[in-house]
Amino acid sequence: MTVLLLDERWPDLIPMEALARVTQPVTYTGELPVKVRWNFGDLVTKIDPTGVGTIVTTNAADPAVAVRISAGEEIIEAASRHEPVYEAQRIMSAARSRGEWEMGQTHRSLLPYLAEETWEFAAAVEEGASESELCTELGDVLLQVLFHAEIAARRGAFDFGDVATSFVRKMRSRAPYLFDGSTGVVSVERQDELWARGKASEG
């Protein structure tokens, strides 16, 4: 009698602890890819004598899963589900789906908030704010990035992962020394040269 909650990003990464505790029969919620289901046939050999077994899912809100969780079944959860950036994305997605104010926002309507949060972080730096205060202010800036990415994701344009990918792509182009296996300090002059070269090559 177990609920196995996997990470929707990597549903085929099964927590090691699950291997000894998951029992047959194994059932799955509809969103799980077929390749994940195939894996369990070979991995799970124990039989639950009560006949309940394990339900495997990435969606804790699925009705069948919710019933089993509320019944007090053991929950095995992929640790990556609580990775902070992923959790922040899920919270922002839920806010956009459930909050009337969030649902009504656009890139343009959010611009004053983006400017305000950026200015507040800058002011905190200028005023010598504590590390905790700086962290909080940066969290407010991150909220704006998450919000804009979620708005774009809802129209199928790009998502937060694409924003992160664009950052990595830019750094590969403009700071290649971060990716070539080299070590040591790179001079400002060399950084400026590489940055300008990379920017020019991006067209």
N, C-alpha and C. Protein backbone atom coordinates (compact mmCIF):
# COMPACT_ATOMS: atom_id res chain seq x y z
N MET A 1 0.85 -1.18 0.00
CA MET A 1 0.00 0.00 0.00
C MET A 1 0.89 1.24 0.00
N THR A 2 1.31 1.62 -1.22
CA THR A 2 2.30 2.68 -1.35
C THR A 2 1.94 3.61 -2.50
N VAL A 3 2.24 4.89 -2.29
CA VAL A 3 2.13 5.88 -3.36
C VAL A 3 3.55 6.29 -3.73
N LEU A 4 3.91 6.14 -4.98
CA LEU A 4 5.23 6.54 -5.46
C LEU A 4 5.07 7.79 -6.32
N LEU A 5 5.57 8.91 -5.81
CA LEU A 5 5.48 10.20 -6.51
C LEU A 5 6.80 10.48 -7.22
N LEU A 6 6.76 10.45 -8.54
CA LEU A 6 7.95 10.71 -9.34
C LEU A 6 7.96 12.16 -9.82
N ASP A 7 9.11 12.60 -10.28
CA ASP A 7 9.28 13.95 -10.81
C ASP A 7 8.80 13.96 -12.26
N GLU A 8 7.88 14.85 -12.59
CA GLU A 8 7.34 14.90 -13.95
C GLU A 8 8.41 15.20 -14.99
N ARG A 9 9.50 15.85 -14.59
CA ARG A 9 10.58 16.16 -15.54
C ARG A 9 11.37 14.91 -15.88
N TRP A 10 11.54 14.03 -14.90
CA TRP A 10 12.34 12.81 -15.08
C TRP A 10 11.59 11.63 -14.47
N PRO A 11 10.46 11.23 -15.06
CA PRO A 11 9.66 10.17 -14.46
C PRO A 11 10.35 8.81 -14.47
N ASP A 12 11.40 8.67 -15.27
CA ASP A 12 12.10 7.39 -15.29
C ASP A 12 13.22 7.30 -14.26
N LEU A 13 13.40 8.34 -13.46
CA LEU A 13 14.37 8.29 -12.36
C LEU A 13 13.63 7.88 -11.10
N ILE A 14 13.80 6.65 -10.72
CA ILE A 14 13.06 6.06 -9.60
C ILE A 14 13.93 6.10 -8.35
N PRO A 15 13.43 6.62 -7.23
CA PRO A 15 14.24 6.66 -6.01
C PRO A 15 14.70 5.26 -5.60
N MET A 16 15.96 5.15 -5.18
CA MET A 16 16.51 3.85 -4.79
C MET A 16 15.68 3.19 -3.70
N GLU A 17 15.19 4.00 -2.75
CA GLU A 17 14.43 3.43 -1.64
C GLU A 17 13.15 2.73 -2.12
N ALA A 18 12.66 3.14 -3.28
CA ALA A 18 11.41 2.55 -3.79
C ALA A 18 11.61 1.10 -4.18
N LEU A 19 12.81 0.75 -4.61
CA LEU A 19 13.03 -0.60 -5.13
C LEU A 19 12.74 -1.68 -4.11
N ALA A 20 12.99 -1.38 -2.83
CA ALA A 20 12.75 -2.39 -1.80
C ALA A 20 11.34 -2.31 -1.22
N ARG A 21 10.61 -1.22 -1.51
CA ARG A 21 9.33 -1.01 -0.83
C ARG A 21 8.11 -1.04 -1.74
N VAL A 22 8.30 -0.94 -3.02
CA VAL A 22 7.18 -0.98 -3.96
C VAL A 22 6.75 -2.43 -4.16
N THR A 23 5.42 -2.64 -4.19
CA THR A 23 4.89 -4.00 -4.33
C THR A 23 3.87 -4.08 -5.47
N GLN A 24 3.71 -5.28 -5.97
CA GLN A 24 2.66 -5.57 -6.95
C GLN A 24 1.32 -5.73 -6.22
N PRO A 25 0.21 -5.42 -6.83
CA PRO A 25 0.08 -4.92 -8.19
C PRO A 25 0.46 -3.44 -8.27
N VAL A 26 1.03 -3.07 -9.41
CA VAL A 26 1.42 -1.68 -9.64
C VAL A 26 0.43 -1.07 -10.63
N THR A 27 -0.14 0.08 -10.25
CA THR A 27 -1.02 0.82 -11.15
C THR A 27 -0.40 2.18 -11.42
N TYR A 28 -0.84 2.84 -12.47
CA TYR A 28 -0.23 4.08 -12.92
C TYR A 28 -1.31 5.11 -13.25
N THR A 29 -0.98 6.37 -13.01
CA THR A 29 -1.88 7.43 -13.47
C THR A 29 -1.58 7.70 -14.94
N GLY A 30 -2.55 8.29 -15.61
CA GLY A 30 -2.51 8.37 -17.07
C GLY A 30 -1.36 9.12 -17.68
N GLU A 31 -0.76 10.06 -16.95
CA GLU A 31 0.27 10.89 -17.55
C GLU A 31 1.63 10.21 -17.65
N LEU A 32 1.80 9.06 -16.97
CA LEU A 32 3.11 8.40 -16.96
C LEU A 32 3.44 7.80 -18.32
N PRO A 33 4.64 8.08 -18.84
CA PRO A 33 5.03 7.52 -20.14
C PRO A 33 5.08 5.99 -20.10
N VAL A 34 4.86 5.39 -21.25
CA VAL A 34 4.86 3.93 -21.35
C VAL A 34 6.20 3.36 -20.91
N LYS A 35 7.31 4.04 -21.23
CA LYS A 35 8.64 3.49 -20.90
C LYS A 35 8.81 3.34 -19.40
N VAL A 36 8.16 4.21 -18.61
CA VAL A 36 8.23 4.08 -17.15
C VAL A 36 7.48 2.83 -16.71
N ARG A 37 6.35 2.59 -17.29
CA ARG A 37 5.54 1.42 -16.94
C ARG A 37 6.29 0.12 -17.26
N TRP A 38 6.99 0.10 -18.37
CA TRP A 38 7.75 -1.09 -18.75
C TRP A 38 8.82 -1.40 -17.71
N ASN A 39 9.47 -0.36 -17.19
CA ASN A 39 10.54 -0.57 -16.22
C ASN A 39 10.07 -1.29 -14.98
N PHE A 40 8.86 -1.01 -14.54
CA PHE A 40 8.39 -1.58 -13.29
C PHE A 40 8.13 -3.08 -13.39
N GLY A 41 7.84 -3.57 -14.56
CA GLY A 41 7.61 -4.99 -14.71
C GLY A 41 8.79 -5.84 -14.24
N ASP A 42 10.00 -5.35 -14.50
CA ASP A 42 11.21 -6.08 -14.11
C ASP A 42 11.67 -5.74 -12.70
N LEU A 43 11.34 -4.55 -12.22
CA LEU A 43 11.88 -4.09 -10.94
C LEU A 43 11.10 -4.57 -9.73
N VAL A 44 9.81 -4.72 -9.88
CA VAL A 44 8.96 -5.01 -8.72
C VAL A 44 8.62 -6.50 -8.69
N THR A 45 9.11 -7.18 -7.67
CA THR A 45 8.85 -8.61 -7.55
C THR A 45 8.02 -8.96 -6.32
N LYS A 46 8.00 -8.07 -5.33
CA LYS A 46 7.23 -8.33 -4.12
C LYS A 46 5.73 -8.18 -4.38
N ILE A 47 4.94 -8.98 -3.71
CA ILE A 47 3.49 -8.93 -3.85
C ILE A 47 2.89 -8.41 -2.55
N ASP A 48 1.96 -7.47 -2.67
CA ASP A 48 1.24 -6.98 -1.49
C ASP A 48 0.13 -7.99 -1.17
N PRO A 49 0.19 -8.63 -0.01
CA PRO A 49 -0.83 -9.64 0.32
C PRO A 49 -2.24 -9.08 0.41
N THR A 50 -2.36 -7.75 0.62
CA THR A 50 -3.70 -7.15 0.70
C THR A 50 -4.28 -6.92 -0.69
N GLY A 51 -3.43 -7.00 -1.72
CA GLY A 51 -3.90 -6.80 -3.08
C GLY A 51 -3.98 -5.35 -3.51
N VAL A 52 -3.55 -4.42 -2.64
CA VAL A 52 -3.62 -2.99 -2.97
C VAL A 52 -2.41 -2.57 -3.80
N GLY A 53 -1.22 -2.92 -3.34
CA GLY A 53 -0.01 -2.63 -4.09
C GLY A 53 0.36 -1.17 -4.13
N THR A 54 0.91 -0.74 -5.26
CA THR A 54 1.50 0.59 -5.41
C THR A 54 0.85 1.34 -6.55
N ILE A 55 0.65 2.63 -6.35
CA ILE A 55 0.24 3.49 -7.45
C ILE A 55 1.41 4.42 -7.75
N VAL A 56 1.76 4.53 -9.01
CA VAL A 56 2.90 5.34 -9.45
C VAL A 56 2.36 6.54 -10.22
N THR A 57 2.87 7.72 -9.88
CA THR A 57 2.33 8.95 -10.46
C THR A 57 3.35 10.08 -10.41
N THR A 58 3.08 11.13 -11.16
CA THR A 58 3.80 12.39 -10.99
C THR A 58 2.85 13.47 -10.47
N ASN A 59 1.59 13.10 -10.27
CA ASN A 59 0.55 14.07 -9.94
C ASN A 59 -0.13 13.72 -8.61
N ALA A 60 0.29 14.39 -7.55
CA ALA A 60 -0.29 14.12 -6.23
C ALA A 60 -1.76 14.52 -6.15
N ALA A 61 -2.20 15.37 -7.08
CA ALA A 61 -3.60 15.83 -7.07
C ALA A 61 -4.53 14.92 -7.85
N ASP A 62 -3.99 13.91 -8.53
CA ASP A 62 -4.83 12.96 -9.24
C ASP A 62 -5.83 12.36 -8.26
N PRO A 63 -7.12 12.27 -8.61
CA PRO A 63 -8.12 11.78 -7.66
C PRO A 63 -7.79 10.42 -7.04
N ALA A 64 -7.33 9.49 -7.85
CA ALA A 64 -7.01 8.16 -7.32
C ALA A 64 -5.85 8.22 -6.34
N VAL A 65 -4.90 9.09 -6.63
CA VAL A 65 -3.73 9.26 -5.74
C VAL A 65 -4.16 9.95 -4.46
N ALA A 66 -4.96 11.00 -4.59
CA ALA A 66 -5.41 11.75 -3.41
C ALA A 66 -6.16 10.86 -2.43
N VAL A 67 -6.97 9.95 -2.96
CA VAL A 67 -7.71 9.03 -2.09
C VAL A 67 -6.75 8.16 -1.29
N ARG A 68 -5.72 7.67 -1.96
CA ARG A 68 -4.78 6.77 -1.29
C ARG A 68 -3.90 7.52 -0.30
N ILE A 69 -3.55 8.75 -0.63
CA ILE A 69 -2.78 9.55 0.33
C ILE A 69 -3.62 9.85 1.56
N SER A 70 -4.89 10.23 1.34
CA SER A 70 -5.76 10.56 2.48
C SER A 70 -6.04 9.33 3.34
N ALA A 71 -5.90 8.14 2.76
CA ALA A 71 -6.10 6.90 3.52
C ALA A 71 -4.88 6.55 4.36
N GLY A 72 -3.81 7.35 4.22
CA GLY A 72 -2.63 7.15 5.04
C GLY A 72 -1.61 6.18 4.48
N GLU A 73 -1.68 5.92 3.18
CA GLU A 73 -0.70 5.02 2.58
C GLU A 73 0.69 5.63 2.63
N GLU A 74 1.69 4.76 2.66
CA GLU A 74 3.08 5.21 2.65
C GLU A 74 3.34 5.98 1.36
N ILE A 75 4.08 7.09 1.48
CA ILE A 75 4.43 7.89 0.30
C ILE A 75 5.94 7.85 0.12
N ILE A 76 6.36 7.46 -1.06
CA ILE A 76 7.77 7.56 -1.44
C ILE A 76 7.84 8.63 -2.53
N GLU A 77 8.64 9.64 -2.28
CA GLU A 77 8.65 10.79 -3.19
C GLU A 77 10.06 11.05 -3.70
N ALA A 78 10.17 11.28 -4.99
CA ALA A 78 11.47 11.65 -5.58
C ALA A 78 11.93 12.95 -4.95
N ALA A 79 13.15 12.97 -4.45
CA ALA A 79 13.68 14.15 -3.76
C ALA A 79 13.70 15.38 -4.66
N SER A 80 13.86 15.15 -5.97
CA SER A 80 13.96 16.28 -6.90
C SER A 80 12.66 17.08 -6.99
N ARG A 81 11.55 16.50 -6.52
CA ARG A 81 10.29 17.25 -6.51
C ARG A 81 10.36 18.45 -5.57
N HIS A 82 11.31 18.44 -4.65
CA HIS A 82 11.44 19.55 -3.70
C HIS A 82 12.65 20.43 -3.99
N GLU A 83 13.23 20.26 -5.18
CA GLU A 83 14.32 21.14 -5.58
C GLU A 83 13.75 22.55 -5.68
N PRO A 84 14.41 23.56 -5.07
CA PRO A 84 13.79 24.89 -4.91
C PRO A 84 13.33 25.57 -6.20
N VAL A 85 14.13 25.51 -7.26
CA VAL A 85 13.73 26.20 -8.49
C VAL A 85 12.49 25.54 -9.09
N TYR A 86 12.46 24.22 -9.08
CA TYR A 86 11.29 23.50 -9.60
C TYR A 86 10.05 23.81 -8.75
N GLU A 87 10.24 23.84 -7.44
CA GLU A 87 9.11 24.15 -6.55
C GLU A 87 8.59 25.56 -6.83
N ALA A 88 9.51 26.49 -7.06
CA ALA A 88 9.11 27.86 -7.37
C ALA A 88 8.30 27.91 -8.67
N GLN A 89 8.71 27.14 -9.66
CA GLN A 89 7.98 27.10 -10.92
C GLN A 89 6.57 26.53 -10.72
N ARG A 90 6.46 25.48 -9.94
CA ARG A 90 5.15 24.88 -9.69
C ARG A 90 4.22 25.84 -8.95
N ILE A 91 4.79 26.57 -7.99
CA ILE A 91 3.99 27.54 -7.25
C ILE A 91 3.50 28.65 -8.17
N MET A 92 4.40 29.12 -9.05
CA MET A 92 4.01 30.19 -9.97
C MET A 92 2.93 29.69 -10.93
N SER A 93 3.05 28.46 -11.39
CA SER A 93 2.05 27.90 -12.29
C SER A 93 0.70 27.80 -11.58
N ALA A 94 0.71 27.36 -10.33
CA ALA A 94 -0.53 27.26 -9.56
C ALA A 94 -1.14 28.64 -9.33
N ALA A 95 -0.29 29.62 -9.05
CA ALA A 95 -0.78 30.99 -8.83
C ALA A 95 -1.46 31.52 -10.09
N ARG A 96 -0.85 31.26 -11.23
CA ARG A 96 -1.41 31.73 -12.50
C ARG A 96 -2.75 31.04 -12.80
N SER A 97 -2.89 29.79 -12.36
CA SER A 97 -4.11 29.03 -12.62
C SER A 97 -5.24 29.36 -11.65
N ARG A 98 -4.89 29.76 -10.42
CA ARG A 98 -5.92 29.88 -9.39
C ARG A 98 -6.17 31.29 -8.90
N GLY A 99 -5.18 32.17 -9.03
CA GLY A 99 -5.36 33.53 -8.53
C GLY A 99 -5.97 34.43 -9.59
N GLU A 100 -7.08 35.06 -9.27
CA GLU A 100 -7.75 35.92 -10.26
C GLU A 100 -6.84 37.06 -10.70
N TRP A 101 -6.10 37.65 -9.75
CA TRP A 101 -5.21 38.75 -10.11
C TRP A 101 -4.12 38.25 -11.04
N GLU A 102 -3.49 37.13 -10.69
CA GLU A 102 -2.41 36.59 -11.53
C GLU A 102 -2.92 36.22 -12.91
N MET A 103 -4.12 35.70 -12.98
CA MET A 103 -4.69 35.29 -14.27
C MET A 103 -4.88 36.49 -15.21
N GLY A 104 -5.06 37.66 -14.64
CA GLY A 104 -5.32 38.83 -15.46
C GLY A 104 -4.08 39.60 -15.90
N GLN A 105 -2.91 39.17 -15.46
CA GLN A 105 -1.70 39.93 -15.76
C GLN A 105 -1.13 39.60 -17.14
N THR A 106 -0.42 40.58 -17.70
CA THR A 106 0.28 40.42 -18.98
C THR A 106 1.71 40.90 -18.78
N HIS A 107 2.55 40.66 -19.79
CA HIS A 107 3.91 41.17 -19.72
C HIS A 107 3.89 42.68 -19.45
N ARG A 108 3.00 43.38 -20.16
CA ARG A 108 2.97 44.84 -20.03
C ARG A 108 2.46 45.28 -18.66
N SER A 109 1.42 44.62 -18.15
CA SER A 109 0.86 45.05 -16.87
C SER A 109 1.83 44.79 -15.71
N LEU A 110 2.74 43.85 -15.91
CA LEU A 110 3.70 43.52 -14.85
C LEU A 110 4.95 44.41 -14.86
N LEU A 111 5.13 45.20 -15.90
CA LEU A 111 6.34 46.01 -16.00
C LEU A 111 6.59 46.91 -14.78
N PRO A 112 5.56 47.57 -14.23
CA PRO A 112 5.83 48.39 -13.04
C PRO A 112 6.36 47.58 -11.86
N TYR A 113 5.89 46.35 -11.73
CA TYR A 113 6.35 45.50 -10.62
C TYR A 113 7.78 45.04 -10.84
N LEU A 114 8.11 44.73 -12.09
CA LEU A 114 9.48 44.36 -12.40
C LEU A 114 10.43 45.51 -12.10
N ALA A 115 10.04 46.72 -12.51
CA ALA A 115 10.87 47.89 -12.25
C ALA A 115 10.98 48.13 -10.74
N GLU A 116 9.87 48.01 -10.03
CA GLU A 116 9.87 48.25 -8.58
C GLU A 116 10.75 47.25 -7.85
N GLU A 117 10.63 45.97 -8.17
CA GLU A 117 11.41 44.95 -7.47
C GLU A 117 12.90 45.09 -7.79
N THR A 118 13.21 45.42 -9.03
CA THR A 118 14.62 45.63 -9.40
C THR A 118 15.19 46.83 -8.65
N TRP A 119 14.41 47.91 -8.59
CA TRP A 119 14.86 49.10 -7.87
C TRP A 119 15.03 48.80 -6.39
N GLU A 120 14.13 48.02 -5.80
CA GLU A 120 14.22 47.71 -4.37
C GLU A 120 15.47 46.88 -4.06
N PHE A 121 15.83 45.98 -4.97
CA PHE A 121 17.08 45.24 -4.76
C PHE A 121 18.27 46.18 -4.84
N ALA A 122 18.26 47.05 -5.85
CA ALA A 122 19.37 48.00 -5.99
C ALA A 122 19.47 48.89 -4.75
N ALA A 123 18.33 49.33 -4.25
CA ALA A 123 18.34 50.18 -3.05
C ALA A 123 18.87 49.42 -1.84
N ALA A 124 18.52 48.16 -1.73
CA ALA A 124 19.01 47.34 -0.61
C ALA A 124 20.52 47.21 -0.66
N VAL A 125 21.07 47.06 -1.86
CA VAL A 125 22.53 46.98 -2.01
C VAL A 125 23.16 48.30 -1.60
N GLU A 126 22.59 49.40 -2.11
CA GLU A 126 23.13 50.74 -1.81
C GLU A 126 23.09 51.04 -0.31
N GLU A 127 22.06 50.57 0.35
CA GLU A 127 21.87 50.86 1.77
C GLU A 127 22.62 49.88 2.68
N GLY A 128 23.32 48.92 2.09
CA GLY A 128 24.06 47.96 2.90
C GLY A 128 23.17 47.00 3.66
N ALA A 129 22.11 46.56 3.04
CA ALA A 129 21.16 45.65 3.67
C ALA A 129 21.85 44.35 4.06
N SER A 130 21.23 43.63 5.00
CA SER A 130 21.77 42.35 5.45
C SER A 130 21.70 41.32 4.32
N GLU A 131 22.46 40.23 4.49
CA GLU A 131 22.43 39.16 3.49
C GLU A 131 21.02 38.59 3.34
N SER A 132 20.32 38.45 4.46
CA SER A 132 18.96 37.94 4.44
C SER A 132 18.04 38.86 3.65
N GLU A 133 18.18 40.16 3.85
CA GLU A 133 17.35 41.12 3.11
C GLU A 133 17.66 41.09 1.62
N LEU A 134 18.95 40.97 1.27
CA LEU A 134 19.33 40.89 -0.14
C LEU A 134 18.72 39.65 -0.78
N CYS A 135 18.77 38.54 -0.06
CA CYS A 135 18.20 37.29 -0.57
C CYS A 135 16.70 37.45 -0.82
N THR A 136 16.01 38.08 0.12
CA THR A 136 14.57 38.29 -0.02
C THR A 136 14.26 39.17 -1.23
N GLU A 137 15.04 40.23 -1.39
CA GLU A 137 14.80 41.13 -2.53
C GLU A 137 15.07 40.43 -3.86
N LEU A 138 16.11 39.59 -3.90
CA LEU A 138 16.37 38.84 -5.12
C LEU A 138 15.25 37.84 -5.40
N GLY A 139 14.67 37.29 -4.33
CA GLY A 139 13.52 36.40 -4.50
C GLY A 139 12.36 37.13 -5.16
N ASP A 140 12.19 38.40 -4.81
CA ASP A 140 11.13 39.19 -5.44
C ASP A 140 11.41 39.43 -6.93
N VAL A 141 12.69 39.62 -7.27
CA VAL A 141 13.06 39.77 -8.68
C VAL A 141 12.81 38.45 -9.41
N LEU A 142 13.18 37.33 -8.77
CA LEU A 142 12.96 36.02 -9.37
C LEU A 142 11.48 35.77 -9.61
N LEU A 143 10.63 36.20 -8.68
CA LEU A 143 9.19 36.05 -8.87
C LEU A 143 8.76 36.68 -10.20
N GLN A 144 9.31 37.84 -10.51
CA GLN A 144 8.96 38.50 -11.76
C GLN A 144 9.40 37.69 -12.97
N VAL A 145 10.62 37.12 -12.90
CA VAL A 145 11.12 36.30 -14.01
C VAL A 145 10.22 35.07 -14.18
N LEU A 146 9.89 34.42 -13.06
CA LEU A 146 9.01 33.25 -13.11
C LEU A 146 7.64 33.60 -13.68
N PHE A 147 7.12 34.76 -13.29
CA PHE A 147 5.79 35.19 -13.74
C PHE A 147 5.79 35.40 -15.25
N HIS A 148 6.77 36.13 -15.75
CA HIS A 148 6.84 36.38 -17.20
C HIS A 148 7.03 35.08 -17.97
N ALA A 149 7.85 34.18 -17.44
CA ALA A 149 8.07 32.89 -18.11
C ALA A 149 6.79 32.07 -18.12
N GLU A 150 6.02 32.11 -17.04
CA GLU A 150 4.77 31.35 -16.98
C GLU A 150 3.75 31.90 -17.96
N ILE A 151 3.68 33.22 -18.08
CA ILE A 151 2.77 33.84 -19.05
C ILE A 151 3.13 33.36 -20.46
N ALA A 152 4.43 33.38 -20.77
CA ALA A 152 4.88 32.94 -22.09
C ALA A 152 4.61 31.45 -22.30
N ALA A 153 4.80 30.65 -21.25
CA ALA A 153 4.57 29.20 -21.38
C ALA A 153 3.11 28.91 -21.69
N ARG A 154 2.20 29.69 -21.12
CA ARG A 154 0.76 29.44 -21.34
C ARG A 154 0.37 29.68 -22.80
N ARG A 155 1.11 30.51 -23.50
CA ARG A 155 0.79 30.72 -24.91
C ARG A 155 1.70 29.89 -25.82
N GLY A 156 2.52 29.01 -25.22
CA GLY A 156 3.36 28.10 -25.99
C GLY A 156 4.59 28.74 -26.59
N ALA A 157 5.01 29.87 -26.05
CA ALA A 157 6.16 30.58 -26.60
C ALA A 157 7.49 30.05 -26.03
N PHE A 158 7.65 30.11 -24.73
CA PHE A 158 8.85 29.60 -24.05
C PHE A 158 8.50 29.45 -22.58
N ASP A 159 9.35 28.74 -21.85
CA ASP A 159 9.12 28.58 -20.42
C ASP A 159 10.39 28.92 -19.65
N PHE A 160 10.36 28.71 -18.34
CA PHE A 160 11.50 29.08 -17.50
C PHE A 160 12.76 28.30 -17.90
N GLY A 161 12.58 27.05 -18.28
CA GLY A 161 13.73 26.26 -18.74
C GLY A 161 14.36 26.86 -19.97
N ASP A 162 13.54 27.39 -20.87
CA ASP A 162 14.07 28.04 -22.07
C ASP A 162 14.82 29.31 -21.72
N VAL A 163 14.34 30.04 -20.70
CA VAL A 163 15.05 31.24 -20.24
C VAL A 163 16.42 30.85 -19.72
N ALA A 164 16.47 29.77 -18.91
CA ALA A 164 17.75 29.29 -18.38
C ALA A 164 18.66 28.85 -19.52
N THR A 165 18.09 28.19 -20.52
CA THR A 165 18.88 27.74 -21.67
C THR A 165 19.45 28.92 -22.43
N SER A 166 18.68 30.00 -22.54
CA SER A 166 19.17 31.19 -23.25
C SER A 166 20.36 31.81 -22.51
N PHE A 167 20.32 31.75 -21.17
CA PHE A 167 21.45 32.24 -20.37
C PHE A 167 22.70 31.39 -20.64
N VAL A 168 22.55 30.08 -20.62
CA VAL A 168 23.69 29.19 -20.85
C VAL A 168 24.24 29.40 -22.26
N ARG A 169 23.35 29.53 -23.24
CA ARG A 169 23.78 29.76 -24.62
C ARG A 169 24.60 31.05 -24.72
N LYS A 170 24.12 32.08 -24.06
CA LYS A 170 24.85 33.35 -24.10
C LYS A 170 26.23 33.22 -23.47
N MET A 171 26.30 32.51 -22.34
CA MET A 171 27.60 32.35 -21.67
C MET A 171 28.55 31.49 -22.51
N ARG A 172 28.02 30.49 -23.21
CA ARG A 172 28.87 29.68 -24.09
C ARG A 172 29.48 30.55 -25.19
N SER A 173 28.69 31.49 -25.69
CA SER A 173 29.16 32.36 -26.76
C SER A 173 30.13 33.43 -26.25
N ARG A 174 29.82 34.01 -25.10
CA ARG A 174 30.57 35.18 -24.65
C ARG A 174 31.63 34.90 -23.57
N ALA A 175 31.55 33.74 -22.95
CA ALA A 175 32.55 33.37 -21.94
C ALA A 175 32.96 31.92 -22.17
N PRO A 176 33.56 31.60 -23.32
CA PRO A 176 33.86 30.21 -23.66
C PRO A 176 34.83 29.54 -22.69
N TYR A 177 35.59 30.31 -21.95
CA TYR A 177 36.53 29.74 -20.98
C TYR A 177 35.81 29.01 -19.84
N LEU A 178 34.53 29.25 -19.68
CA LEU A 178 33.76 28.54 -18.65
C LEU A 178 33.40 27.12 -19.09
N PHE A 179 33.61 26.80 -20.36
CA PHE A 179 33.17 25.52 -20.91
C PHE A 179 34.30 24.71 -21.55
N ASP A 180 35.51 25.25 -21.60
CA ASP A 180 36.59 24.57 -22.34
C ASP A 180 37.49 23.73 -21.45
N GLY A 181 37.14 23.59 -20.17
CA GLY A 181 37.95 22.78 -19.27
C GLY A 181 39.13 23.51 -18.66
N SER A 182 39.34 24.75 -19.04
CA SER A 182 40.46 25.52 -18.49
C SER A 182 40.14 25.97 -17.07
N THR A 183 41.20 26.37 -16.35
CA THR A 183 41.05 26.87 -14.99
C THR A 183 41.82 28.17 -14.85
N GLY A 184 41.68 28.80 -13.71
CA GLY A 184 42.43 30.03 -13.46
C GLY A 184 41.62 31.27 -13.78
N VAL A 185 42.17 32.39 -13.37
CA VAL A 185 41.50 33.68 -13.53
C VAL A 185 41.68 34.20 -14.95
N VAL A 186 40.61 34.71 -15.51
CA VAL A 186 40.63 35.32 -16.84
C VAL A 186 40.63 36.83 -16.65
N SER A 187 41.55 37.50 -17.28
CA SER A 187 41.68 38.95 -17.09
C SER A 187 40.47 39.68 -17.63
N VAL A 188 40.25 40.88 -17.10
CA VAL A 188 39.15 41.71 -17.57
C VAL A 188 39.31 42.01 -19.05
N GLU A 189 40.55 42.27 -19.48
CA GLU A 189 40.78 42.58 -20.89
C GLU A 189 40.37 41.41 -21.78
N ARG A 190 40.74 40.19 -21.36
CA ARG A 190 40.37 39.01 -22.14
C ARG A 190 38.87 38.78 -22.10
N GLN A 191 38.27 38.99 -20.96
CA GLN A 191 36.81 38.85 -20.86
C GLN A 191 36.11 39.82 -21.80
N ASP A 192 36.55 41.08 -21.79
CA ASP A 192 35.94 42.08 -22.66
C ASP A 192 36.07 41.69 -24.13
N GLU A 193 37.27 41.18 -24.49
CA GLU A 193 37.51 40.78 -25.87
C GLU A 193 36.59 39.63 -26.28
N LEU A 194 36.48 38.62 -25.42
CA LEU A 194 35.65 37.47 -25.73
C LEU A 194 34.16 37.83 -25.74
N TRP A 195 33.77 38.69 -24.82
CA TRP A 195 32.37 39.12 -24.76
C TRP A 195 31.98 39.83 -26.06
N ALA A 196 32.86 40.76 -26.49
CA ALA A 196 32.57 41.51 -27.71
C ALA A 196 32.55 40.59 -28.92
N ARG A 197 33.49 39.64 -28.97
CA ARG A 197 33.56 38.71 -30.09
C ARG A 197 32.31 37.83 -30.14
N GLY A 198 31.93 37.34 -28.97
CA GLY A 198 30.74 36.50 -28.90
C GLY A 198 29.48 37.25 -29.30
N LYS A 199 29.37 38.48 -28.82
CA LYS A 199 28.20 39.30 -29.15
C LYS A 199 28.11 39.56 -30.64
N ALA A 200 29.28 39.84 -31.27
CA ALA A 200 29.31 40.12 -32.70
C ALA A 200 28.92 38.88 -33.50
N SER A 201 29.34 37.70 -33.01
CA SER A 201 29.06 36.46 -33.76
C SER A 201 27.59 36.05 -33.65
N GLU A 202 26.88 36.61 -32.65
CA GLU A 202 25.47 36.26 -32.50
C GLU A 202 24.61 36.96 -33.53
N GLY A 203 25.20 37.92 -34.23
CA GLY A 203 24.48 38.58 -35.32
C GLY A 203 23.54 39.61 -34.82
